């Protein structure tokens, strides 16, 4: 996805509105695979201030993946923001640890990489179909969300065996 910044850089306009859809089918993050249900929605603007050029866009992404506890497929939605200072890619002098820097090259701003990075950073650490998901029984394998089992988990971590004696 490319945004032409020439009019902004030449000071003809002071803002460029962005309303785009980025069509990606899958995101693979390590061993985690997200199947995107619909295109990524990107809305916001690139604007010029006295301090420089900036971008602020809202990103909405709906995806399918499997629950880490019960292994069922579910759909989740992420709404996040990409916001930062635009700087020329060849500008090695600008270094500010407090700001997010987004690079453009020539008159073009390529948004695919920063948008995907923002989505990845917004993902929850654990994928759960619901907050109270009980998951699968480690002994018999039934879905604890649907039914209960009478299995006992006798596997005790040897490092914690002494603590169990307190409860006996």
Protein backbone atom coordinates (compact mmCIF):
# COMPACT_ATOMS: atom_id res chain seq x y z
CA UNK A 1 0.00 0.00 0.00
CA UNK A 2 1.59 3.24 -1.18
CA UNK A 3 0.71 6.81 -0.20
CA UNK A 4 2.05 9.61 -2.44
CA UNK A 5 3.43 12.37 -0.17
CA UNK A 6 4.62 14.77 -2.90
CA UNK A 7 1.86 17.36 -2.33
CA UNK A 8 2.48 17.30 1.44
CA UNK A 9 6.26 17.53 1.09
CA UNK A 10 5.95 20.42 -1.40
CA UNK A 11 3.64 22.23 1.09
CA UNK A 12 0.74 22.33 -1.37
CA UNK A 13 -1.50 20.64 1.21
CA UNK A 14 -1.09 20.25 4.95
CA UNK A 15 -2.90 16.93 5.31
CA UNK A 16 -3.68 13.85 3.28
CA UNK A 17 -6.69 11.75 4.27
CA UNK A 18 -6.26 7.99 4.16
CA UNK A 19 -9.13 5.54 3.77
CA UNK A 20 -7.81 2.27 2.44
CA UNK A 21 -8.30 -1.49 2.65
CA UNK A 22 -5.29 -3.79 2.71
CA UNK A 23 -6.11 -7.27 1.44
CA UNK A 24 -3.99 -9.95 3.10
CA UNK A 25 -5.22 -13.54 3.53
CA UNK A 26 -2.92 -14.79 6.30
CA UNK A 27 -0.44 -13.53 8.85
CA UNK A 28 2.14 -16.01 10.12
CA UNK A 29 3.76 -15.01 13.40
CA UNK A 30 6.12 -17.72 14.56
CA UNK A 31 3.94 -20.81 15.08
CA UNK A 32 0.77 -18.72 15.18
CA UNK A 33 -1.35 -18.35 12.03
CA UNK A 34 -4.08 -15.74 11.68
CA UNK A 35 -6.57 -16.14 8.85
CA UNK A 36 -7.91 -12.67 8.04
CA UNK A 37 -11.68 -12.70 7.63
CA UNK A 38 -11.87 -9.40 5.76
CA UNK A 39 -9.38 -6.79 4.46
CA UNK A 40 -7.59 -4.64 7.02
CA UNK A 41 -9.34 -1.26 7.32
CA UNK A 42 -7.03 1.77 7.56
CA UNK A 43 -8.44 5.26 8.19
CA UNK A 44 -6.66 8.41 9.24
CA UNK A 45 -4.33 11.03 7.88
CA UNK A 46 -0.81 12.18 7.20
CA UNK A 47 -0.32 15.78 8.26
CA UNK A 48 2.29 18.54 8.46
CA UNK A 49 2.94 20.59 11.60
CA UNK A 50 5.64 23.08 12.59
CA UNK A 51 7.56 20.14 14.12
CA UNK A 52 7.48 17.93 11.02
CA UNK A 53 5.34 15.38 9.22
CA UNK A 54 3.22 12.87 11.13
CA UNK A 55 0.83 10.00 10.53
CA UNK A 56 -2.13 8.89 12.63
CA UNK A 57 -4.32 6.03 11.37
CA UNK A 58 -6.88 3.74 12.99
CA UNK A 59 -6.49 0.09 12.02
CA UNK A 60 -9.27 -2.48 12.25
CA UNK A 61 -8.57 -6.14 11.64
CA UNK A 62 -10.84 -9.18 12.02
CA UNK A 63 -9.20 -12.60 12.09
CA UNK A 64 -9.80 -16.29 12.78
CA UNK A 65 -7.53 -18.52 14.84
CA UNK A 66 -7.65 -21.45 17.25
CA UNK A 67 -8.09 -21.12 21.00
CA UNK A 68 -4.93 -22.02 22.95
CA UNK A 69 -6.93 -23.91 25.59
CA UNK A 70 -9.79 -25.74 23.81
CA UNK A 71 -8.46 -25.64 20.20
CA UNK A 72 -11.76 -24.36 18.75
CA UNK A 73 -11.68 -21.90 15.88
CA UNK A 74 -12.99 -18.44 16.79
CA UNK A 75 -13.11 -14.93 15.33
CA UNK A 76 -11.56 -11.92 17.04
CA UNK A 77 -11.33 -8.23 16.16
CA UNK A 78 -8.45 -5.84 16.82
CA UNK A 79 -8.78 -2.08 16.77
CA UNK A 80 -5.46 -0.32 17.12
CA UNK A 81 -3.63 2.88 16.15
CA UNK A 82 -0.49 3.56 14.15
CA UNK A 83 0.87 6.96 15.04
CA UNK A 84 4.33 8.43 14.56
CA UNK A 85 6.72 10.88 12.92
CA UNK A 86 7.52 10.51 9.23
CA UNK A 87 11.16 10.80 8.29
CA UNK A 88 13.08 10.23 5.07
CA UNK A 89 14.62 6.75 4.98
CA UNK A 90 18.03 8.19 4.11
CA UNK A 91 17.93 10.53 7.16
CA UNK A 92 20.31 8.84 9.60
CA UNK A 93 20.73 11.94 11.79
CA UNK A 94 17.26 11.97 13.31
CA UNK A 95 17.22 9.86 16.45
CA UNK A 96 14.58 10.25 19.13
CA UNK A 97 13.98 7.31 21.44
CA UNK A 98 10.65 8.71 22.64
CA UNK A 99 8.95 8.78 19.23
CA UNK A 100 7.83 6.12 16.80
CA UNK A 101 9.56 6.79 13.49
CA UNK A 102 7.98 5.73 10.22
CA UNK A 103 10.21 5.94 7.16
CA UNK A 104 9.23 7.08 3.69
CA UNK A 105 11.34 6.93 0.55
CA UNK A 106 11.32 9.76 -2.00
CA UNK A 107 7.69 10.87 -2.25
CA UNK A 108 6.25 7.49 -1.26
CA UNK A 109 5.13 6.10 2.06
CA UNK A 110 4.70 2.32 2.08
CA UNK A 111 2.32 1.38 4.88
CA UNK A 112 2.16 -2.41 4.65
CA UNK A 113 5.08 -3.15 6.99
CA UNK A 114 4.19 -0.61 9.73
CA UNK A 115 0.51 -1.69 9.67
CA UNK A 116 1.37 -5.39 10.01
CA UNK A 117 3.86 -4.63 12.80
CA UNK A 118 1.20 -2.63 14.66
CA UNK A 119 -1.30 -5.49 14.34
CA UNK A 120 1.25 -8.02 15.60
CA UNK A 121 2.06 -5.84 18.62
CA UNK A 122 -1.68 -5.51 19.38
CA UNK A 123 -2.36 -9.25 19.46
CA UNK A 124 -3.13 -10.81 22.84
CA UNK A 125 -0.39 -13.04 24.27
CA UNK A 126 -2.76 -15.98 24.52
CA UNK A 127 -5.54 -16.66 22.05
CA UNK A 128 -8.68 -17.48 24.00
CA UNK A 129 -12.16 -18.02 22.56
CA UNK A 130 -13.58 -16.48 25.75
CA UNK A 131 -12.12 -15.20 29.02
CA UNK A 132 -13.28 -18.15 31.13
CA UNK A 133 -12.31 -20.92 28.69
CA UNK A 134 -11.67 -24.12 30.68
CA UNK A 135 -9.81 -25.86 27.89
CA UNK A 136 -9.34 -29.59 27.41
CA UNK A 137 -8.85 -32.12 30.21
CA UNK A 138 -5.18 -33.21 30.15
CA UNK A 139 -6.17 -36.79 31.12
CA UNK A 140 -9.23 -37.71 29.01
CA UNK A 141 -9.25 -34.83 26.49
CA UNK A 142 -12.90 -33.75 26.78
CA UNK A 143 -13.84 -30.11 26.35
CA UNK A 144 -14.32 -28.78 29.89
CA UNK A 145 -16.51 -25.95 28.55
CA UNK A 146 -19.20 -28.48 27.49
CA UNK A 147 -19.01 -31.17 30.16
CA UNK A 148 -17.19 -32.08 33.35
CA UNK A 149 -15.06 -35.12 33.97
CA UNK A 150 -13.95 -36.93 37.12
CA UNK A 151 -10.31 -37.20 36.12
CA UNK A 152 -7.66 -36.39 38.70
CA UNK A 153 -4.41 -34.82 37.69
CA UNK A 154 -1.82 -36.58 39.84
CA UNK A 155 1.16 -35.11 38.04
CA UNK A 156 2.91 -32.98 40.62
CA UNK A 157 5.89 -30.86 39.83
CA UNK A 158 8.70 -32.29 42.01
CA UNK A 159 9.82 -28.78 42.89
CA UNK A 160 6.43 -28.12 44.48
CA UNK A 161 5.87 -31.54 46.14
CA UNK A 162 6.69 -30.20 49.62
CA UNK A 163 3.96 -27.55 49.28
CA UNK A 164 1.38 -30.28 48.61
CA UNK A 165 2.22 -31.80 51.99
CA UNK A 166 0.91 -28.63 53.65
CA UNK A 167 -2.58 -29.35 52.32
CA UNK A 168 -2.57 -33.09 53.24
